[in-house]
């Protein structure tokens, strides 16, 4: 039987043993730092508003016509932030999450998110948590703040480099994102770099052409890094702040190690009016790009209502736990981080 062969595969058993150790050490790490383990619903009224992430709909199985009961969450973020509004200050969760997307070496439709949120904290505090978590896990599993992934030695020792998106585009692609703030200017930069923009490309589309083809592949291979301060148009649920030159950047960072994108973090937006506006813009973009070929996802009114009650200044992060297992198990295929993929 195929499933039995999968379970008994020595490669999978080794990866799953690493996963079990990582789960135990992750709980120990957060419990020792005053975080409370949480569990939030797996059927939710709104799965997340990211315009390019497709959710799974949940419908009833009774009656002549199925009725929408909700969605499977793409992240527990909205629910966990409501816990901060309710008075909890440090929460974390290892939670199932679901995204209706093609499978690949690093993507699976059902996966595990490690998320944590801190009240009265900013994104630099979350950076400190993150680098301490990774270095602690490496010390517990390997005896040093270093690991090997696909033949590459990778340092996770603290402190990690903090690489600004703006500086990376300048140094690696010769692109000044401030001077190229208009779509036509960034399109010219793409042409200069040999990247052929489509007539319908937005500024963000052009940005990602350069990021995915030139910048991201050139990130350091020998150590974990933070990529920080993203364009304001990619702020999602993050605070936007101005640099001294007047340009605006999202207080957001991503975690990279071994060529894997491992986490995405925000200094959390607390303004309910601004958040509702951003959600509306995301819905408009989704409708423009995908039309009816996308399930209609309503705004999470309970989350927006919680923001109206008052979310304290906060920071939080979502780490793809299965990719973390890949990194620590030296496993290039995400399927091997599940018993029954």
Protein backbone atom coordinates (compact mmCIF):
# COMPACT_ATOMS: atom_id res chain seq x y z
CA UNK A 1 0.00 0.00 0.00
CA UNK A 2 1.36 3.39 -1.03
CA UNK A 3 0.53 5.13 2.24
CA UNK A 4 2.40 2.49 4.24
CA UNK A 5 5.45 2.87 2.02
CA UNK A 6 5.31 6.61 2.67
CA UNK A 7 5.14 6.17 6.43
CA UNK A 8 8.00 3.65 6.52
CA UNK A 9 10.29 5.67 4.23
CA UNK A 10 13.53 6.22 6.25
CA UNK A 11 13.89 9.69 4.76
CA UNK A 12 10.44 10.67 6.03
CA UNK A 13 11.01 9.07 9.44
CA UNK A 14 14.21 11.09 9.89
CA UNK A 15 12.48 14.35 8.94
CA UNK A 16 9.54 13.60 11.23
CA UNK A 17 11.86 12.87 14.16
CA UNK A 18 13.40 16.29 13.60
CA UNK A 19 9.92 17.78 13.44
CA UNK A 20 8.96 16.24 16.79
CA UNK A 21 12.08 17.68 18.42
CA UNK A 22 11.44 21.11 16.91
CA UNK A 23 7.84 21.14 18.12
CA UNK A 24 8.88 20.24 21.67
CA UNK A 25 11.69 22.80 21.75
CA UNK A 26 9.46 25.49 20.24
CA UNK A 27 6.87 25.04 22.99
CA UNK A 28 9.66 25.13 25.58
CA UNK A 29 11.09 28.34 24.09
CA UNK A 30 7.82 30.27 24.20
CA UNK A 31 6.58 28.88 27.50
CA UNK A 32 9.85 29.92 29.16
CA UNK A 33 9.37 33.49 27.91
CA UNK A 34 5.90 34.05 29.26
CA UNK A 35 3.92 33.33 26.10
CA UNK A 36 0.56 31.59 26.32
CA UNK A 37 -0.17 28.76 23.87
CA UNK A 38 -3.50 29.40 22.14
CA UNK A 39 -5.98 27.57 19.92
CA UNK A 40 -8.26 29.53 17.60
CA UNK A 41 -11.13 28.38 15.31
CA UNK A 42 -10.55 26.36 12.14
CA UNK A 43 -13.78 27.50 10.50
CA UNK A 44 -13.78 31.29 10.26
CA UNK A 45 -15.98 34.00 8.71
CA UNK A 46 -13.05 35.44 6.75
CA UNK A 47 -9.88 33.50 5.90
CA UNK A 48 -7.61 36.47 5.22
CA UNK A 49 -7.69 39.28 2.69
CA UNK A 50 -4.47 38.74 0.72
CA UNK A 51 -5.58 39.26 -2.89
CA UNK A 52 -3.52 36.41 -4.37
CA UNK A 53 -4.08 33.71 -1.72
CA UNK A 54 -7.01 31.42 -2.48
CA UNK A 55 -8.89 30.02 0.53
CA UNK A 56 -10.95 26.88 0.95
CA UNK A 57 -14.70 27.39 1.40
CA UNK A 58 -16.59 25.35 3.99
CA UNK A 59 -20.21 24.52 3.10
CA UNK A 60 -22.93 22.55 4.82
CA UNK A 61 -23.68 19.05 3.57
CA UNK A 62 -27.43 19.16 4.25
CA UNK A 63 -30.31 20.52 2.22
CA UNK A 64 -30.80 20.76 -1.54
CA UNK A 65 -28.24 23.56 -1.88
CA UNK A 66 -24.99 23.73 0.10
CA UNK A 67 -24.76 26.81 2.29
CA UNK A 68 -21.58 28.67 3.10
CA UNK A 69 -20.53 27.97 6.67
CA UNK A 70 -17.23 29.83 6.48
CA UNK A 71 -13.66 29.27 5.38
CA UNK A 72 -10.59 27.38 6.49
CA UNK A 73 -8.08 29.95 7.78
CA UNK A 74 -5.04 30.88 5.71
CA UNK A 75 -3.56 32.10 9.00
CA UNK A 76 -4.78 32.45 12.61
CA UNK A 77 -3.69 36.10 12.60
CA UNK A 78 -7.07 37.83 12.92
CA UNK A 79 -8.17 35.64 15.82
CA UNK A 80 -4.86 35.96 17.65
CA UNK A 81 -4.90 39.75 17.45
CA UNK A 82 -8.37 39.71 18.99
CA UNK A 83 -6.78 37.95 21.96
CA UNK A 84 -4.41 40.91 22.34
CA UNK A 85 -7.40 43.26 22.34
CA UNK A 86 -8.91 41.05 25.04
CA UNK A 87 -5.94 41.71 27.30
CA UNK A 88 -3.46 38.90 26.61
CA UNK A 89 0.02 40.31 25.96
CA UNK A 90 2.09 37.37 24.65
CA UNK A 91 0.45 34.60 22.62
CA UNK A 92 1.73 31.93 20.27
CA UNK A 93 0.26 29.09 18.27
CA UNK A 94 1.29 26.09 16.18
CA UNK A 95 -1.78 25.96 13.99
CA UNK A 96 -3.04 24.21 10.85
CA UNK A 97 -3.52 26.61 7.94
CA UNK A 98 -4.93 26.07 4.46
CA UNK A 99 -4.34 27.66 1.06
CA UNK A 100 -5.83 26.53 -2.24
CA UNK A 101 -2.62 26.65 -4.26
CA UNK A 102 -0.56 24.29 -6.42
CA UNK A 103 1.78 21.97 -4.55
CA UNK A 104 5.52 22.41 -4.99
CA UNK A 105 8.75 21.62 -3.17
CA UNK A 106 7.93 24.39 -0.66
CA UNK A 107 4.10 24.62 -0.82
CA UNK A 108 1.39 22.34 0.52
CA UNK A 109 -2.34 23.06 0.69
CA UNK A 110 -2.51 22.05 4.35
CA UNK A 111 0.44 23.24 6.40
CA UNK A 112 1.44 24.48 9.85
CA UNK A 113 1.90 28.08 10.91
CA UNK A 114 3.95 29.09 13.91
CA UNK A 115 2.66 32.53 14.83
CA UNK A 116 3.28 34.74 17.81
CA UNK A 117 2.14 38.21 18.76
CA UNK A 118 3.29 40.61 21.45
CA UNK A 119 1.44 43.63 22.80
CA UNK A 120 3.50 46.77 23.45
CA UNK A 121 6.19 45.57 21.07
CA UNK A 122 7.48 46.62 17.66
CA UNK A 123 8.93 44.71 14.75
CA UNK A 124 12.46 44.98 16.14
CA UNK A 125 11.26 43.07 19.22
CA UNK A 126 9.89 40.34 16.95
CA UNK A 127 13.24 40.23 15.13
CA UNK A 128 14.94 39.58 18.45
CA UNK A 129 12.44 36.81 19.28
CA UNK A 130 13.00 35.23 15.87
CA UNK A 131 16.77 35.13 15.89
CA UNK A 132 16.76 33.86 19.47
CA UNK A 133 14.27 31.12 18.55
CA UNK A 134 16.32 29.89 15.58
CA UNK A 135 19.62 29.99 17.44
CA UNK A 136 18.10 28.23 20.46
CA UNK A 137 16.62 25.49 18.28
CA UNK A 138 19.97 24.93 16.58
CA UNK A 139 21.79 24.78 19.91
CA UNK A 140 19.27 22.24 21.25
CA UNK A 141 19.39 20.02 18.16
CA UNK A 142 23.00 20.40 16.99
CA UNK A 143 24.94 21.90 19.89
CA UNK A 144 25.84 25.06 17.95
CA UNK A 145 24.08 27.97 16.26
CA UNK A 146 24.79 26.51 12.86
CA UNK A 147 23.19 23.94 10.59
CA UNK A 148 23.66 22.42 7.16
CA UNK A 149 21.05 22.59 4.41
CA UNK A 150 21.65 21.05 0.99
CA UNK A 151 25.43 21.17 1.35
CA UNK A 152 25.52 24.76 2.62
CA UNK A 153 26.63 25.61 6.16
CA UNK A 154 24.25 28.25 7.54
CA UNK A 155 24.83 30.37 10.63
CA UNK A 156 21.81 31.27 12.75
CA UNK A 157 23.95 32.92 15.44
CA UNK A 158 22.67 36.26 16.72
CA UNK A 159 22.52 39.06 15.76
CA UNK A 160 21.27 38.57 12.21
CA UNK A 161 21.94 41.07 9.40
CA UNK A 162 19.04 43.43 8.69
CA UNK A 163 18.93 44.14 4.97
CA UNK A 164 16.66 46.94 3.79
CA UNK A 165 14.65 46.25 0.65
CA UNK A 166 15.59 49.67 -0.70
CA UNK A 167 19.32 48.98 -0.27
CA UNK A 168 19.05 45.48 -1.78
CA UNK A 169 17.43 46.82 -4.95
CA UNK A 170 20.13 49.48 -5.25
CA UNK A 171 23.11 47.19 -4.63
CA UNK A 172 21.94 44.07 -6.47
CA UNK A 173 19.84 45.47 -9.32
CA UNK A 174 20.93 49.10 -9.60
CA UNK A 175 17.33 50.20 -9.05
CA UNK A 176 16.39 53.17 -6.87
CA UNK A 177 12.86 52.37 -5.74
CA UNK A 178 12.20 55.97 -4.70
CA UNK A 179 13.21 57.41 -8.07
CA UNK A 180 11.28 54.59 -9.73
CA UNK A 181 8.09 55.16 -7.78
CA UNK A 182 5.99 55.44 -10.95
CA UNK A 183 4.96 52.37 -12.92
CA UNK A 184 6.49 53.58 -16.19
CA UNK A 185 9.84 54.28 -14.48
CA UNK A 186 10.04 50.81 -12.94
CA UNK A 187 9.02 49.28 -16.28
CA UNK A 188 12.04 50.97 -17.86
CA UNK A 189 14.26 49.48 -15.16
CA UNK A 190 12.86 46.04 -15.93
CA UNK A 191 13.69 46.50 -19.61
CA UNK A 192 17.22 47.59 -18.71
CA UNK A 193 17.62 44.42 -16.66
CA UNK A 194 16.36 42.18 -19.46
CA UNK A 195 13.04 41.50 -17.75
CA UNK A 196 10.12 41.90 -20.13
CA UNK A 197 7.21 43.67 -18.43
CA UNK A 198 3.67 42.97 -19.55
CA UNK A 199 1.48 45.91 -20.62
CA UNK A 200 -0.88 45.15 -17.74
CA UNK A 201 1.83 45.00 -15.05
CA UNK A 202 1.23 47.14 -11.99
CA UNK A 203 4.09 48.70 -10.02
CA UNK A 204 3.98 45.77 -7.62
CA UNK A 205 4.10 43.28 -10.52
CA UNK A 206 7.25 44.98 -11.81
CA UNK A 207 8.74 45.05 -8.33
CA UNK A 208 8.26 41.29 -8.02
CA UNK A 209 9.83 40.66 -11.43
CA UNK A 210 13.02 42.28 -10.16
CA UNK A 211 12.77 40.76 -6.69
CA UNK A 212 12.21 37.17 -7.83
CA UNK A 213 14.69 37.17 -10.71
CA UNK A 214 17.56 39.28 -9.39
CA UNK A 215 17.35 40.27 -5.73
CA UNK A 216 16.01 37.23 -3.88
CA UNK A 217 18.41 34.72 -5.53
CA UNK A 218 21.36 36.89 -4.44
CA UNK A 219 20.51 36.96 -0.72
CA UNK A 220 23.28 35.56 1.51
CA UNK A 221 23.42 31.76 1.40
CA UNK A 222 25.60 31.19 4.45
CA UNK A 223 23.48 32.75 7.16
CA UNK A 224 19.95 33.65 8.19
CA UNK A 225 18.94 37.26 7.46
CA UNK A 226 16.10 39.69 7.94
CA UNK A 227 14.84 41.56 4.87
CA UNK A 228 13.25 44.70 6.30
CA UNK A 229 11.16 47.76 5.39
CA UNK A 230 9.02 46.92 2.37
CA UNK A 231 7.35 49.34 -0.06
CA UNK A 232 4.23 50.94 1.40
CA UNK A 233 2.09 49.28 -1.28
CA UNK A 234 2.95 45.92 0.31
CA UNK A 235 2.11 46.91 3.86
CA UNK A 236 -0.96 44.64 4.22
CA UNK A 237 -1.53 44.73 8.00
CA UNK A 238 1.66 46.64 8.86
CA UNK A 239 2.36 50.19 10.03
CA UNK A 240 3.78 52.51 7.36
CA UNK A 241 6.44 55.02 8.44
CA UNK A 242 8.40 57.76 6.67
CA UNK A 243 12.16 57.83 6.13
CA UNK A 244 14.00 61.16 6.57
CA UNK A 245 13.78 61.76 2.80
CA UNK A 246 9.99 61.53 2.96
CA UNK A 247 9.66 58.09 1.33
CA UNK A 248 7.28 55.68 3.04
CA UNK A 249 8.03 52.07 3.98
CA UNK A 250 6.11 49.32 5.72
CA UNK A 251 7.46 48.19 9.06
CA UNK A 252 7.56 44.64 7.87
CA UNK A 253 10.27 42.02 7.61
CA UNK A 254 10.74 38.58 6.14
CA UNK A 255 13.06 35.79 7.27
CA UNK A 256 15.38 34.03 4.81
CA UNK A 257 17.81 31.16 5.33
CA UNK A 258 19.20 28.59 2.93
CA UNK A 259 17.23 30.05 0.04
CA UNK A 260 13.96 29.48 1.92
CA UNK A 261 11.50 32.24 2.76
CA UNK A 262 10.58 31.24 6.30
CA UNK A 263 8.57 34.04 7.90
CA UNK A 264 6.69 37.30 7.43
CA UNK A 265 6.30 39.84 10.23
CA UNK A 266 4.64 43.18 10.87
CA UNK A 267 4.60 46.01 13.29
CA UNK A 268 0.86 45.74 13.44
CA UNK A 269 -1.55 48.32 12.07
CA UNK A 270 -3.95 49.36 14.85
CA UNK A 271 -6.09 51.93 13.01
CA UNK A 272 -9.48 50.33 12.16
CA UNK A 273 -10.36 52.92 9.51
CA UNK A 274 -7.08 52.47 7.66
CA UNK A 275 -7.35 48.68 7.95
CA UNK A 276 -10.85 48.69 6.46
CA UNK A 277 -9.61 50.86 3.60
CA UNK A 278 -6.76 48.46 2.88
CA UNK A 279 -9.09 45.48 2.95
CA UNK A 280 -11.37 47.22 0.45
CA UNK A 281 -8.39 47.89 -1.82
CA UNK A 282 -7.38 44.22 -1.59
CA UNK A 283 -10.90 43.14 -2.54
CA UNK A 284 -10.91 45.53 -5.49
CA UNK A 285 -7.53 44.24 -6.69
CA UNK A 286 -8.67 40.62 -6.38
CA UNK A 287 -11.82 41.32 -8.39
CA UNK A 288 -9.85 43.16 -11.06
CA UNK A 289 -7.25 40.41 -11.46
CA UNK A 290 -9.36 37.27 -10.99
CA UNK A 291 -12.96 38.31 -11.61
CA UNK A 292 -15.38 35.54 -10.65
CA UNK A 293 -12.56 32.97 -10.60
CA UNK A 294 -12.07 33.49 -6.88
CA UNK A 295 -14.34 32.78 -3.90
CA UNK A 296 -15.88 35.94 -2.48
CA UNK A 297 -14.35 36.51 0.95
CA UNK A 298 -15.97 39.08 3.22
CA UNK A 299 -14.10 41.34 5.56
CA UNK A 300 -13.70 39.98 9.08
CA UNK A 301 -16.04 42.34 10.91
CA UNK A 302 -15.20 40.77 14.27
CA UNK A 303 -11.53 41.58 13.70
CA UNK A 304 -12.31 45.13 12.58
CA UNK A 305 -14.59 45.52 15.59
CA UNK A 306 -11.74 44.42 17.83
CA UNK A 307 -9.51 47.08 16.28
CA UNK A 308 -12.20 49.63 17.11
CA UNK A 309 -12.08 48.47 20.73
CA UNK A 310 -8.35 49.16 20.67
CA UNK A 311 -5.43 46.95 19.65
CA UNK A 312 -2.36 48.01 21.64
CA UNK A 313 0.87 48.72 19.77
CA UNK A 314 1.95 45.22 18.75
CA UNK A 315 4.26 43.11 16.66
CA UNK A 316 3.78 39.64 15.26
CA UNK A 317 5.09 37.06 12.84
CA UNK A 318 3.99 34.00 10.87
CA UNK A 319 6.66 31.33 10.33
CA UNK A 320 6.06 28.42 7.98
CA UNK A 321 6.80 25.63 10.42
CA UNK A 322 7.04 22.93 7.75
CA UNK A 323 9.72 24.94 5.96
CA UNK A 324 11.50 25.34 9.28
CA UNK A 325 11.48 21.54 9.54
CA UNK A 326 12.90 21.35 6.00
CA UNK A 327 15.76 23.63 7.02
CA UNK A 328 16.64 21.80 10.23
CA UNK A 329 16.16 18.32 8.75
CA UNK A 330 18.16 19.14 5.60
CA UNK A 331 15.10 18.07 3.61
CA UNK A 332 14.48 19.75 0.21
CA UNK A 333 10.87 18.52 -0.21
CA UNK A 334 8.08 19.83 2.00
CA UNK A 335 6.09 16.59 1.49
CA UNK A 336 8.61 14.76 3.67
CA UNK A 337 7.71 16.96 6.65
CA UNK A 338 4.26 15.27 6.79
CA UNK A 339 3.52 11.67 7.76
CA UNK A 340 0.81 11.37 5.11
CA UNK A 341 1.32 14.03 2.44
